[in-house]
Protein backbone atom coordinates (compact mmCIF):
# COMPACT_ATOMS: atom_id res chain seq x y z
CA UNK A 1 -2.40 9.97 -5.30
CA UNK A 2 0.53 12.27 -4.49
CA UNK A 3 3.25 13.06 -7.01
CA UNK A 4 5.70 10.92 -5.01
CA UNK A 5 3.21 8.03 -5.02
CA UNK A 6 2.82 8.30 -8.78
CA UNK A 7 6.59 8.20 -9.22
CA UNK A 8 6.82 5.07 -7.09
CA UNK A 9 3.97 3.44 -9.03
CA UNK A 10 5.71 4.31 -12.30
CA UNK A 11 8.94 2.74 -11.05
CA UNK A 12 7.21 -0.36 -9.64
CA UNK A 13 3.87 -0.75 -11.48
CA UNK A 14 3.00 -3.76 -9.32
CA UNK A 15 2.39 -1.43 -6.36
CA UNK A 16 -0.22 0.47 -8.33
CA UNK A 17 -1.81 -2.77 -9.50
CA UNK A 18 -2.11 -4.07 -5.93
CA UNK A 19 -3.31 -0.70 -4.60
CA UNK A 20 -6.20 -0.68 -7.06
CA UNK A 21 -7.03 -4.34 -6.48
CA UNK A 22 -9.78 -5.68 -4.19
CA UNK A 23 -9.70 -8.70 -1.92
CA UNK A 24 -11.43 -10.63 -4.69
CA UNK A 25 -8.62 -9.67 -7.04
CA UNK A 26 -5.95 -10.72 -4.54
CA UNK A 27 -7.70 -14.05 -4.06
CA UNK A 28 -7.73 -14.52 -7.84
CA UNK A 29 -4.01 -13.80 -7.98
CA UNK A 30 -3.32 -16.35 -5.24
CA UNK A 31 -5.35 -19.01 -7.05
CA UNK A 32 -3.67 -18.16 -10.35
CA UNK A 33 -0.25 -18.36 -8.70
CA UNK A 34 -1.02 -21.80 -7.33
CA UNK A 35 -2.39 -23.02 -10.68
CA UNK A 36 0.72 -21.84 -12.53
CA UNK A 37 3.06 -23.28 -9.87
CA UNK A 38 1.48 -26.74 -10.09
CA UNK A 39 2.29 -26.91 -13.79
CA UNK A 40 5.56 -25.01 -13.56
CA UNK A 41 7.30 -27.33 -11.10
CA UNK A 42 7.47 -30.44 -13.31
CA UNK A 43 8.12 -28.37 -16.42
CA UNK A 44 10.86 -26.38 -14.69
CA UNK A 45 12.58 -29.55 -13.51
CA UNK A 46 12.40 -30.95 -17.02
CA UNK A 47 13.81 -27.80 -18.58
CA UNK A 48 16.64 -27.72 -16.05
CA UNK A 49 17.52 -31.27 -17.09
CA UNK A 50 17.25 -30.29 -20.77
CA UNK A 51 19.72 -27.43 -20.17
CA UNK A 52 22.32 -29.97 -19.01
CA UNK A 53 22.15 -28.78 -15.41
CA UNK A 54 20.69 -30.27 -12.28
CA UNK A 55 16.91 -30.31 -12.82
CA UNK A 56 16.35 -27.94 -9.89
CA UNK A 57 18.11 -25.19 -11.92
CA UNK A 58 14.86 -24.83 -13.85
CA UNK A 59 13.08 -23.88 -10.63
CA UNK A 60 15.86 -21.44 -9.73
CA UNK A 61 15.26 -19.84 -13.13
CA UNK A 62 11.55 -19.58 -12.40
CA UNK A 63 11.97 -18.05 -8.96
CA UNK A 64 14.47 -15.38 -9.96
CA UNK A 65 12.81 -14.48 -13.26
CA UNK A 66 9.28 -14.23 -11.85
CA UNK A 67 10.23 -12.00 -8.94
CA UNK A 68 12.37 -9.58 -10.95
CA UNK A 69 9.98 -9.44 -13.90
CA UNK A 70 6.93 -8.91 -11.68
CA UNK A 71 8.60 -5.88 -10.05
CA UNK A 72 9.73 -4.25 -13.31
CA UNK A 73 7.09 -5.06 -15.92
CA UNK A 74 4.13 -2.81 -16.61
CA UNK A 75 1.96 -5.71 -17.76
CA UNK A 76 -0.57 -7.41 -15.51
CA UNK A 77 -0.51 -10.99 -16.71
CA UNK A 78 2.56 -11.81 -18.83
CA UNK A 79 4.34 -14.80 -17.26
CA UNK A 80 8.04 -15.56 -17.56
CA UNK A 81 10.13 -18.54 -16.60
CA UNK A 82 12.14 -21.46 -17.96
CA UNK A 83 11.41 -22.66 -21.48
CA UNK A 84 12.45 -25.57 -23.66
CA UNK A 85 13.84 -23.25 -26.33
CA UNK A 86 16.16 -21.41 -23.95
CA UNK A 87 17.12 -24.67 -22.25
CA UNK A 88 18.21 -26.39 -25.47
CA UNK A 89 20.15 -23.32 -26.60
CA UNK A 90 21.85 -23.15 -23.20
CA UNK A 91 22.79 -26.82 -23.39
CA UNK A 92 24.17 -26.48 -26.91
CA UNK A 93 26.31 -23.47 -25.98
CA UNK A 94 27.55 -24.69 -22.59
CA UNK A 95 28.00 -28.47 -22.79
CA UNK A 96 30.86 -28.41 -25.28
CA UNK A 97 32.77 -25.85 -23.22
CA UNK A 98 32.22 -27.27 -19.74
CA UNK A 99 32.91 -30.94 -20.36
CA UNK A 100 32.10 -32.92 -17.21
CA UNK A 101 32.79 -29.97 -14.88
CA UNK A 102 29.40 -29.24 -13.26
CA UNK A 103 30.67 -26.06 -11.55
CA UNK A 104 31.95 -24.64 -14.84
CA UNK A 105 28.65 -25.53 -16.53
CA UNK A 106 26.75 -23.51 -13.92
CA UNK A 107 29.14 -20.55 -14.32
CA UNK A 108 28.89 -20.57 -18.11
CA UNK A 109 25.11 -20.84 -17.92
CA UNK A 110 24.94 -17.88 -15.54
CA UNK A 111 27.25 -15.88 -17.80
CA UNK A 112 25.06 -16.69 -20.80
CA UNK A 113 21.97 -15.51 -18.93
CA UNK A 114 23.71 -12.27 -17.93
CA UNK A 115 24.86 -11.50 -21.48
CA UNK A 116 21.36 -12.21 -22.77
CA UNK A 117 19.99 -9.81 -20.16
CA UNK A 118 22.39 -7.07 -21.21
CA UNK A 119 21.44 -7.48 -24.88
CA UNK A 120 17.76 -7.27 -23.98
CA UNK A 121 18.49 -3.83 -22.55
CA UNK A 122 18.97 -2.73 -26.18
CA UNK A 123 15.28 -3.04 -27.06
CA UNK A 124 15.20 -0.81 -30.11
CA UNK A 125 17.80 -2.78 -32.02
CA UNK A 126 16.40 -6.16 -31.05
CA UNK A 127 12.86 -5.14 -31.91
CA UNK A 128 14.13 -4.02 -35.31
CA UNK A 129 15.65 -7.45 -35.88
CA UNK A 130 12.47 -9.25 -34.86
CA UNK A 131 10.61 -7.36 -37.59
CA UNK A 132 12.51 -9.48 -40.12
CA UNK A 133 11.02 -12.68 -38.69
CA UNK A 134 7.87 -13.32 -40.72
CA UNK A 135 5.06 -15.52 -39.44
CA UNK A 136 5.96 -18.55 -41.61
CA UNK A 137 9.63 -18.27 -40.61
CA UNK A 138 8.70 -18.23 -36.92
CA UNK A 139 6.33 -21.15 -37.50
CA UNK A 140 9.09 -23.24 -39.07
CA UNK A 141 11.63 -22.15 -36.49
CA UNK A 142 9.44 -23.18 -33.56
CA UNK A 143 8.64 -26.52 -35.18
CA UNK A 144 12.33 -27.23 -35.76
CA UNK A 145 13.17 -26.24 -32.21
CA UNK A 146 10.44 -28.54 -30.89
CA UNK A 147 11.85 -31.50 -32.79
CA UNK A 148 15.33 -30.64 -31.49
CA UNK A 149 14.04 -30.56 -27.92
CA UNK A 150 12.23 -33.87 -28.27
CA UNK A 151 15.22 -35.50 -29.96
CA UNK A 152 17.47 -34.42 -27.08
CA UNK A 153 15.23 -36.19 -24.56
CA UNK A 154 14.72 -39.55 -26.28
CA UNK A 155 17.90 -41.00 -24.81
CA UNK A 156 16.88 -40.04 -21.28
CA UNK A 157 13.36 -41.32 -21.91
CA UNK A 158 14.57 -44.79 -22.95
CA UNK A 159 17.71 -45.01 -20.84
CA UNK A 160 20.10 -45.17 -23.80
CA UNK A 161 23.50 -43.51 -23.15
CA UNK A 162 24.29 -40.61 -25.52
CA UNK A 163 27.10 -38.12 -25.86
CA UNK A 164 27.71 -34.83 -27.62
CA UNK A 165 25.57 -31.71 -27.68
CA UNK A 166 23.71 -32.02 -30.98
CA UNK A 167 20.17 -33.30 -30.42
CA UNK A 168 19.72 -34.91 -33.83
CA UNK A 169 23.04 -36.73 -33.44
CA UNK A 170 21.92 -37.93 -30.02
CA UNK A 171 18.67 -39.20 -31.54
CA UNK A 172 20.66 -41.13 -34.15
CA UNK A 173 22.77 -42.62 -31.39
CA UNK A 174 19.62 -43.82 -29.65
CA UNK A 175 18.15 -45.33 -32.82
CA UNK A 176 21.37 -47.18 -33.62
CA UNK A 177 22.00 -48.40 -30.05
CA UNK A 178 18.59 -49.58 -28.93
CA UNK A 179 20.26 -52.76 -27.70
CA UNK A 180 21.73 -50.62 -24.87
CA UNK A 181 18.30 -49.48 -23.73
CA UNK A 182 17.62 -49.80 -19.99
CA UNK A 183 14.34 -51.67 -19.95
CA UNK A 184 12.99 -50.40 -16.62
CA UNK A 185 13.86 -46.80 -17.47
CA UNK A 186 12.15 -47.17 -20.85
CA UNK A 187 9.05 -48.68 -19.25
CA UNK A 188 8.79 -45.78 -16.79
CA UNK A 189 9.48 -43.15 -19.45
CA UNK A 190 7.17 -44.47 -22.15
CA UNK A 191 4.41 -45.16 -19.60
CA UNK A 192 4.69 -41.57 -18.41
CA UNK A 193 4.60 -40.28 -21.98
CA UNK A 194 1.47 -42.28 -22.79
CA UNK A 195 -0.05 -41.31 -19.45
CA UNK A 196 0.48 -37.61 -20.15
CA UNK A 197 -1.19 -37.81 -23.56
CA UNK A 198 -4.12 -39.99 -22.47
CA UNK A 199 -4.71 -38.19 -19.19
CA UNK A 200 -4.66 -34.79 -20.87
CA UNK A 201 -7.35 -35.89 -23.35
CA UNK A 202 -9.42 -37.42 -20.55
CA UNK A 203 -9.20 -34.34 -18.35
CA UNK A 204 -10.04 -32.07 -21.27
CA UNK A 205 -13.13 -34.16 -22.06
CA UNK A 206 -14.52 -33.73 -18.53
CA UNK A 207 -15.62 -30.11 -17.98
CA UNK A 208 -15.08 -30.25 -14.21
CA UNK A 209 -11.50 -31.53 -14.62
CA UNK A 210 -10.54 -29.44 -17.64
CA UNK A 211 -8.40 -27.08 -15.56
CA UNK A 212 -6.42 -29.92 -13.91
CA UNK A 213 -2.94 -30.22 -15.50
CA UNK A 214 -1.79 -33.71 -16.42
CA UNK A 215 1.95 -33.31 -15.70
CA UNK A 216 1.71 -32.94 -11.90
CA UNK A 217 -0.61 -35.97 -11.68
CA UNK A 218 1.77 -38.16 -13.69
CA UNK A 219 4.77 -36.93 -11.68
CA UNK A 220 2.99 -37.63 -8.38
CA UNK A 221 2.17 -41.18 -9.49
CA UNK A 222 5.77 -41.65 -10.64
CA UNK A 223 7.09 -40.57 -7.21
CA UNK A 224 4.80 -43.07 -5.48
CA UNK A 225 5.87 -45.86 -7.83
CA UNK A 226 9.53 -44.87 -7.40
CA UNK A 227 9.30 -45.05 -3.62
CA UNK A 228 7.19 -48.22 -3.47
CA UNK A 229 9.05 -50.12 -6.18
CA UNK A 230 12.57 -48.92 -5.35
CA UNK A 231 13.20 -47.80 -8.93
CA UNK A 232 16.64 -46.53 -7.99
CA UNK A 233 17.57 -50.05 -6.93
CA UNK A 234 16.52 -51.28 -10.36
CA UNK A 235 18.89 -48.84 -12.09
CA UNK A 236 16.41 -46.08 -12.93
CA UNK A 237 18.07 -42.65 -12.73
CA UNK A 238 16.36 -40.29 -10.30
CA UNK A 239 16.68 -36.53 -9.85
CA UNK A 240 18.33 -36.80 -6.42
CA UNK A 241 20.57 -34.24 -4.79
CA UNK A 242 18.02 -31.58 -3.77
CA UNK A 243 19.16 -29.98 -0.53
CA UNK A 244 16.13 -27.72 -0.27
CA UNK A 245 15.97 -23.94 -0.39
CA UNK A 246 17.62 -21.59 -2.84
CA UNK A 247 21.28 -20.98 -3.70
CA UNK A 248 23.03 -17.74 -2.78
CA UNK A 249 23.46 -15.20 -5.58
CA UNK A 250 26.93 -15.54 -7.07
CA UNK A 251 28.97 -13.93 -9.83
CA UNK A 252 29.90 -16.45 -12.57
CA UNK A 253 33.50 -17.63 -12.56
CA UNK A 254 34.35 -17.18 -16.26
CA UNK A 255 37.09 -15.78 -18.46
CA UNK A 256 36.91 -13.00 -21.05
CA UNK A 257 37.20 -15.61 -23.79
CA UNK A 258 34.11 -17.35 -22.47
CA UNK A 259 32.11 -14.14 -22.76
CA UNK A 260 33.19 -13.71 -26.36
CA UNK A 261 32.38 -17.33 -27.22
CA UNK A 262 28.91 -17.11 -25.66
CA UNK A 263 27.99 -13.79 -27.27
CA UNK A 264 26.49 -15.18 -30.53
CA UNK A 265 24.27 -17.60 -28.64
CA UNK A 266 23.22 -14.85 -26.23
CA UNK A 267 22.26 -12.63 -29.18
CA UNK A 268 20.10 -15.40 -30.60
CA UNK A 269 18.48 -16.03 -27.22
CA UNK A 270 17.77 -12.32 -26.78
CA UNK A 271 16.11 -12.18 -30.20
CA UNK A 272 13.97 -15.23 -29.43
CA UNK A 273 12.99 -13.77 -26.07
CA UNK A 274 11.94 -10.56 -27.83
CA UNK A 275 9.90 -12.43 -30.43
CA UNK A 276 8.11 -14.53 -27.84
CA UNK A 277 7.54 -11.51 -25.61
CA UNK A 278 5.81 -9.65 -28.44
CA UNK A 279 3.78 -12.77 -29.27
CA UNK A 280 2.55 -13.07 -25.68
CA UNK A 281 1.63 -9.39 -25.58
CA UNK A 282 -0.40 -9.79 -28.77
CA UNK A 283 -2.30 -12.71 -27.25
CA UNK A 284 -3.08 -10.70 -24.10
CA UNK A 285 -3.36 -7.25 -25.73
CA UNK A 286 -7.09 -6.70 -24.98
CA UNK A 287 -6.48 -7.00 -21.24
CA UNK A 288 -3.06 -5.32 -21.13
CA UNK A 289 -3.93 -2.08 -22.89
CA UNK A 290 -1.04 0.17 -23.90
CA UNK A 291 2.28 -1.47 -23.08
CA UNK A 292 5.77 -0.11 -23.67
CA UNK A 293 7.85 -2.67 -25.57
CA UNK A 294 10.98 -0.85 -24.42
CA UNK A 295 10.09 -1.32 -20.77
CA UNK A 296 9.13 -4.96 -21.33
CA UNK A 297 12.46 -5.64 -22.98
CA UNK A 298 14.20 -4.07 -19.99
CA UNK A 299 12.06 -6.18 -17.65
CA UNK A 300 12.99 -9.35 -19.50
CA UNK A 301 16.65 -8.37 -19.45
CA UNK A 302 16.54 -7.80 -15.71
CA UNK A 303 14.78 -11.15 -15.25
CA UNK A 304 17.48 -12.90 -17.26
CA UNK A 305 20.25 -11.29 -15.22
CA UNK A 306 18.49 -12.21 -11.97
CA UNK A 307 18.17 -15.80 -13.13
CA UNK A 308 21.88 -15.97 -13.91
CA UNK A 309 22.83 -14.67 -10.46
CA UNK A 310 20.67 -17.34 -8.81
CA UNK A 311 22.10 -20.30 -10.72
CA UNK A 312 19.48 -20.54 -13.47
CA UNK A 313 19.45 -19.95 -17.23
CA UNK A 314 17.88 -17.28 -19.41
CA UNK A 315 14.06 -17.18 -19.11
CA UNK A 316 11.40 -16.35 -21.64
CA UNK A 317 7.78 -15.20 -21.67
CA UNK A 318 5.24 -18.01 -21.85
CA UNK A 319 1.94 -17.75 -23.71
CA UNK A 320 0.67 -20.96 -22.13
CA UNK A 321 1.34 -19.91 -18.54
CA UNK A 322 0.02 -16.38 -19.20
CA UNK A 323 -3.29 -17.70 -20.51
CA UNK A 324 -3.42 -20.22 -17.65
CA UNK A 325 -3.05 -17.42 -15.11
CA UNK A 326 -5.73 -15.38 -16.86
CA UNK A 327 -8.20 -18.27 -16.90
CA UNK A 328 -7.49 -19.00 -13.21
CA UNK A 329 -8.45 -15.46 -12.20
CA UNK A 330 -5.13 -13.62 -12.18
CA UNK A 331 -5.44 -9.84 -12.29
CA UNK A 332 -2.00 -8.49 -11.48
CA UNK A 333 1.65 -9.50 -11.30
CA UNK A 334 0.99 -10.43 -7.71
CA UNK A 335 0.15 -13.89 -9.05
CA UNK A 336 3.79 -14.39 -10.13
CA UNK A 337 4.99 -13.49 -6.65
CA UNK A 338 2.46 -15.94 -5.26
CA UNK A 339 3.67 -18.56 -7.71
CA UNK A 340 7.23 -17.92 -6.57
CA UNK A 341 6.20 -18.41 -2.95
CA UNK A 342 4.54 -21.73 -3.75
CA UNK A 343 7.63 -22.93 -5.64
CA UNK A 344 9.96 -21.93 -2.81
CA UNK A 345 7.74 -23.63 -0.23
CA UNK A 346 7.81 -26.73 -2.41
CA UNK A 347 11.61 -26.64 -2.55
CA UNK A 348 11.86 -26.22 1.22
CA UNK A 349 9.36 -28.92 2.15
CA UNK A 350 9.21 -31.48 -0.64
CA UNK A 351 12.88 -31.79 -1.61
CA UNK A 352 13.12 -35.44 -0.46
CA UNK A 353 9.96 -36.24 -2.43
CA UNK A 354 11.18 -34.54 -5.62
CA UNK A 355 14.44 -36.48 -5.37
CA UNK A 356 12.47 -39.69 -6.02
CA UNK A 357 11.20 -38.48 -9.41
CA UNK A 358 12.75 -40.45 -12.31
CA UNK A 359 14.56 -38.42 -14.94
CA UNK A 360 12.77 -40.36 -17.67
CA UNK A 361 9.48 -38.92 -16.40
CA UNK A 362 10.86 -35.39 -16.76
CA UNK A 363 11.95 -36.29 -20.29
CA UNK A 364 8.35 -37.29 -21.04
CA UNK A 365 7.08 -33.96 -19.62
CA UNK A 366 9.52 -32.01 -21.79
CA UNK A 367 8.61 -33.97 -24.93
CA UNK A 368 4.89 -33.39 -24.47
CA UNK A 369 5.44 -29.71 -23.66
CA UNK A 370 7.67 -29.22 -26.73
CA UNK A 371 5.10 -30.86 -29.00
CA UNK A 372 2.83 -27.83 -28.46
CA UNK A 373 5.34 -25.72 -30.43
CA UNK A 374 4.51 -27.66 -33.61
CA UNK A 375 1.52 -25.92 -35.17
CA UNK A 376 0.25 -28.52 -37.63
CA UNK A 377 -2.87 -26.47 -38.37
CA UNK A 378 -0.71 -23.45 -39.16
CA UNK A 379 1.30 -25.48 -41.70
CA UNK A 380 -1.90 -26.79 -43.31
CA UNK A 381 -3.39 -23.31 -43.62
CA UNK A 382 -0.20 -21.99 -45.18
CA UNK A 383 -0.06 -24.88 -47.63
CA UNK A 384 -3.64 -24.29 -48.74
CA UNK A 385 -3.40 -20.54 -49.25
CA UNK A 386 0.27 -19.58 -49.47
CA UNK A 387 2.29 -22.43 -50.95
CA UNK A 388 5.51 -20.41 -51.20
CA UNK A 389 5.19 -19.30 -47.57
CA UNK A 390 4.65 -22.92 -46.51
CA UNK A 391 7.84 -23.97 -48.31
CA UNK A 392 9.67 -21.15 -46.54
CA UNK A 393 8.43 -22.47 -43.18
CA UNK A 394 9.54 -25.99 -44.06
CA UNK A 395 12.95 -24.73 -45.19
CA UNK A 396 13.37 -22.93 -41.87
CA UNK A 397 12.43 -26.06 -39.94
CA UNK A 398 14.94 -28.15 -41.92
CA UNK A 399 17.65 -25.53 -41.32
CA UNK A 400 17.05 -25.68 -37.56
CA UNK A 401 17.15 -29.48 -37.61
CA UNK A 402 20.27 -29.67 -39.75
CA UNK A 403 22.29 -26.77 -38.35
CA UNK A 404 21.04 -26.44 -34.79
CA UNK A 405 18.91 -23.86 -33.04
CA UNK A 406 21.31 -20.90 -33.21
CA UNK A 407 22.49 -21.37 -36.79
CA UNK A 408 18.95 -22.27 -37.77
CA UNK A 409 17.86 -18.90 -36.37
CA UNK A 410 20.45 -17.14 -38.54
CA UNK A 411 19.22 -19.05 -41.58
CA UNK A 412 15.66 -18.08 -40.65
CA UNK A 413 16.60 -14.39 -40.61
CA UNK A 414 18.40 -14.75 -43.96
CA UNK A 415 15.39 -16.51 -45.47
CA UNK A 416 13.10 -13.76 -44.20
CA UNK A 417 15.37 -11.10 -45.73
CA UNK A 418 15.47 -13.00 -49.04
CA UNK A 419 11.70 -13.20 -48.94
CA UNK A 420 11.51 -9.44 -48.44
CA UNK A 421 14.04 -8.83 -51.21
CA UNK A 422 12.13 -11.08 -53.61
CA UNK A 423 8.91 -9.16 -53.01
CA UNK A 424 10.43 -5.74 -53.59
CA UNK A 425 12.69 -6.80 -56.46
CA UNK A 426 9.84 -8.56 -58.29
CA UNK A 427 6.85 -6.47 -57.22
CA UNK A 428 3.30 -7.04 -58.29
CA UNK A 429 2.41 -5.07 -61.38
CA UNK A 430 -0.52 -4.99 -63.77
CA UNK A 431 -1.79 -3.66 -67.07
CA UNK A 432 -4.99 -1.68 -66.53
CA UNK A 433 -7.95 -0.78 -68.64
CA UNK A 434 -10.71 1.70 -67.90
CA UNK A 435 -14.23 0.29 -68.09
CA UNK A 436 -17.23 2.20 -69.47
CA UNK A 437 -18.11 3.54 -66.01
CA UNK A 438 -14.61 4.97 -65.63
CA UNK A 439 -13.32 2.38 -63.14
CA UNK A 440 -9.78 1.06 -63.75
CA UNK A 441 -9.42 -2.71 -63.62
CA UNK A 442 -6.62 -5.18 -64.23
CA UNK A 443 -6.45 -6.65 -67.72
CA UNK A 444 -4.42 -9.31 -69.48
CA UNK A 445 -1.18 -7.91 -70.97
CA UNK A 446 -2.28 -8.95 -74.46
CA UNK A 447 -5.88 -7.77 -74.12
CA UNK A 448 -6.87 -5.88 -77.26
CA UNK A 449 -7.03 -2.12 -76.77
CA UNK A 450 -7.36 0.22 -79.70
CA UNK A 451 -7.26 3.42 -77.68
CA UNK A 452 -3.52 3.98 -78.13
CA UNK A 453 -3.03 4.24 -74.37
CA UNK A 454 -1.15 1.65 -72.28
CA UNK A 455 -1.83 1.87 -68.54
CA UNK A 456 0.73 0.24 -66.28
CA UNK A 457 0.70 0.03 -62.48
CA UNK A 458 3.48 -1.09 -60.14
CA UNK A 459 2.70 -1.76 -56.48
CA UNK A 460 6.03 -1.01 -54.81
CA UNK A 461 8.60 1.70 -54.23
CA UNK A 462 11.01 2.10 -57.12
CA UNK A 463 14.67 1.61 -56.29
CA UNK A 464 17.82 -0.07 -57.57
CA UNK A 465 16.52 -3.64 -57.11
CA UNK A 466 13.41 -3.31 -59.28
CA UNK A 467 13.76 -0.16 -61.40
CA UNK A 468 15.38 -1.90 -64.40
CA UNK A 469 12.73 -4.64 -64.32
CA UNK A 470 9.98 -2.00 -64.50
CA UNK A 471 11.83 -0.32 -67.37
CA UNK A 472 12.09 -3.59 -69.30
CA UNK A 473 8.50 -4.54 -68.51
CA UNK A 474 7.03 -1.29 -69.85
CA UNK A 475 9.10 -1.37 -73.05
CA UNK A 476 8.14 -5.01 -73.64
CA UNK A 477 4.44 -4.32 -73.14
CA UNK A 478 4.57 -1.30 -75.42
CA UNK A 479 6.41 -3.21 -78.16
CA UNK A 480 3.85 -6.03 -77.96
CA UNK A 481 0.98 -3.66 -78.80
CA UNK A 482 0.13 -3.22 -82.46
CA UNK A 483 0.12 -0.43 -83.30
CA UNK A 484 2.50 0.90 -80.66
CA UNK A 485 0.62 3.02 -78.09
CA UNK A 486 0.96 6.76 -78.27
CA UNK A 487 0.95 7.11 -74.49
CA UNK A 488 2.10 5.04 -71.52
CA UNK A 489 0.32 6.00 -68.31
CA UNK A 490 2.32 5.03 -65.22
CA UNK A 491 -0.11 4.63 -62.31
CA UNK A 492 2.19 5.72 -59.46
CA UNK A 493 -0.38 5.65 -56.67
CA UNK A 494 1.48 2.85 -54.83
CA UNK A 495 4.97 4.28 -55.42
CA UNK A 496 6.03 5.98 -52.21
CA UNK A 497 9.79 6.19 -52.81
CA UNK A 498 12.12 6.72 -55.77
CA UNK A 499 15.87 6.46 -55.24
CA UNK A 500 18.63 7.81 -57.48
CA UNK A 501 18.84 4.64 -59.58
CA UNK A 502 15.09 4.61 -60.17
CA UNK A 503 15.11 8.32 -61.08
CA UNK A 504 17.83 7.64 -63.65
CA UNK A 505 15.92 4.64 -65.06
CA UNK A 506 12.65 6.60 -65.32
CA UNK A 507 14.48 9.36 -67.18
CA UNK A 508 15.95 6.78 -69.58
CA UNK A 509 12.50 5.19 -69.99
CA UNK A 510 11.06 8.57 -70.92
CA UNK A 511 13.70 9.01 -73.62
CA UNK A 512 13.38 5.41 -74.89
CA UNK A 513 9.60 5.72 -75.26
CA UNK A 514 9.96 8.92 -77.24
CA UNK A 515 11.89 6.94 -79.84
CA UNK A 516 8.84 4.77 -80.69
CA UNK A 517 7.29 7.55 -80.62
CA UNK A 518 5.41 7.35 -77.32
CA UNK A 519 4.95 9.67 -74.35
CA UNK A 520 5.28 8.67 -70.68
CA UNK A 521 2.53 10.15 -68.48
CA UNK A 522 2.09 10.01 -64.70
CA UNK A 523 -1.17 9.35 -62.87
CA UNK A 524 -1.79 9.68 -59.11
CA UNK A 525 1.82 10.49 -58.14
CA UNK A 526 2.49 11.44 -54.54
CA UNK A 527 3.73 14.95 -53.90
CA UNK A 528 7.16 13.75 -52.72
CA UNK A 529 7.58 11.57 -55.83
CA UNK A 530 6.53 14.39 -58.12
CA UNK A 531 8.97 16.76 -56.44
CA UNK A 532 11.78 14.25 -56.95
CA UNK A 533 11.00 13.78 -60.65
CA UNK A 534 10.64 17.52 -61.23
CA UNK A 535 14.18 17.98 -59.88
CA UNK A 536 15.58 14.89 -61.65
CA UNK A 537 18.76 15.90 -63.55
CA UNK A 538 19.25 12.64 -65.54
CA UNK A 539 18.87 12.57 -69.34
CA UNK A 540 18.83 16.39 -69.43
CA UNK A 541 15.89 16.49 -67.02
CA UNK A 542 13.66 14.24 -69.12
CA UNK A 543 11.16 13.66 -66.29
CA UNK A 544 10.79 17.32 -65.38
CA UNK A 545 8.23 17.92 -68.11
CA UNK A 546 6.12 14.79 -67.72
CA UNK A 547 2.40 15.38 -67.89
CA UNK A 548 0.58 14.55 -64.64
CA UNK A 549 -3.04 13.61 -63.97
CA UNK A 550 -4.73 13.21 -60.58
CA UNK A 551 -6.46 9.94 -61.57
CA UNK A 552 -6.08 7.20 -64.16
CA UNK A 553 -9.57 7.92 -65.45
CA UNK A 554 -8.80 11.60 -66.10
CA UNK A 555 -5.58 10.63 -67.86
CA UNK A 556 -7.45 8.26 -70.17
CA UNK A 557 -10.19 10.79 -70.95
CA UNK A 558 -7.63 13.45 -71.85
CA UNK A 559 -5.27 11.22 -73.83
CA UNK A 560 -7.93 9.38 -75.82
CA UNK A 561 -9.24 12.60 -77.35
CA UNK A 562 -8.43 12.79 -81.07
């Protein structure tokens, strides 16, 4: 390949992927594109409805995001498109500001997608924020979001009028106004919901049909029933209003104040997109090889901006669609372009058919899709092995349910930071004893030891949040020994940082122990820590003359000599 060809391949990795692909690979991409499109169409329509827009906006999101992402990303299989999480956040941010003005809702949605795209172009900062989202916090956040999504669709599913933009409030409105339920709409919606669940289990039980998605089958049956039974004439709300084709790219008609108001939501959406993008890459890492997270963040940002220009909302990477494409034979991002082509052909040729689809059926599709975000097994495993982590996940889920998706995300980050602070402020420590074979082991704090040597280990860096606790802990342990030990060996093997406060506290500890009398000794200190303590000016340089031993065993052998 020439140098110019390599530069083009670096700029558009898809060209290199296609160039190295065989006809068999292209055929696999086409089949994968079709398989993803079949599932994406009903989901995309449902997510467009969930976002408070015309359902077809979900397909506009898919088309724009897939094309742009496929041309920019360096991955082979990661799929992007509309998602329930982004849809519900879009609805929450836009509905209160747009009122009943559909044109303003579209403009605000496009603006939100553009801002999200711009923020995703700052990958380093966003990736740093995602590091504060622990696994249990993400587990609880996704579960809370799933319940929010399902709650927002219950009214549409049963035909009960709702108002406002808070899903849990809308669910309460449904539960307290069941007398206003539209019977035919409820019959269609609940039947579709049951059909999706039962059909999925049936298809999964038959090996030959395992790859057949349930949603398109249920939607096809619903269209036939809608046309044959004139559901619209019986008061069942249909999608309607699909002209066919794609809208022209437009710049959103918004004010500066709108941009400022949408910025917090866009920041939350960008963070969620980053988290999900990393999660998808981890699931597909063996086949993707080395991938630049910076480039993928840029690709996602470009996809979000493209979606906004085409009348959609911010997209997100999808683990489910990525794995579906992989299992269907996809080998390059060509499958997303193929998927786009199938979706566009569907819009151009089946618009009148899609118009007959009841909205309650889309609500059922969204509810079933959102239920996959609730990882019951994950909660059970946490509860069995990490009770505190499980409570943290539950607290995050409750925060999302009570405060909404965006504020719940902020609470999730705060909880994760508090979790981190708790672990470093109250680090694991232990009293050690050296067995006959010279191996240190953890011992009970009150375990009898007549050697006159107290061995203490702390498994954390020492800084302002935990230094005084370590100081108090060592003095308490020493005072509890009778007689008082002559030496305290601080096993510093796990201490990789000492700040100014900790240096001052260690110097004071050295002086306080001398008053017993007792000597502080270091074992296994790192070179950087030893250098810091040798230059420590506090308490007249009390730590500069501390004795140091390379191992705990050598310290014990030397100090236990009469």
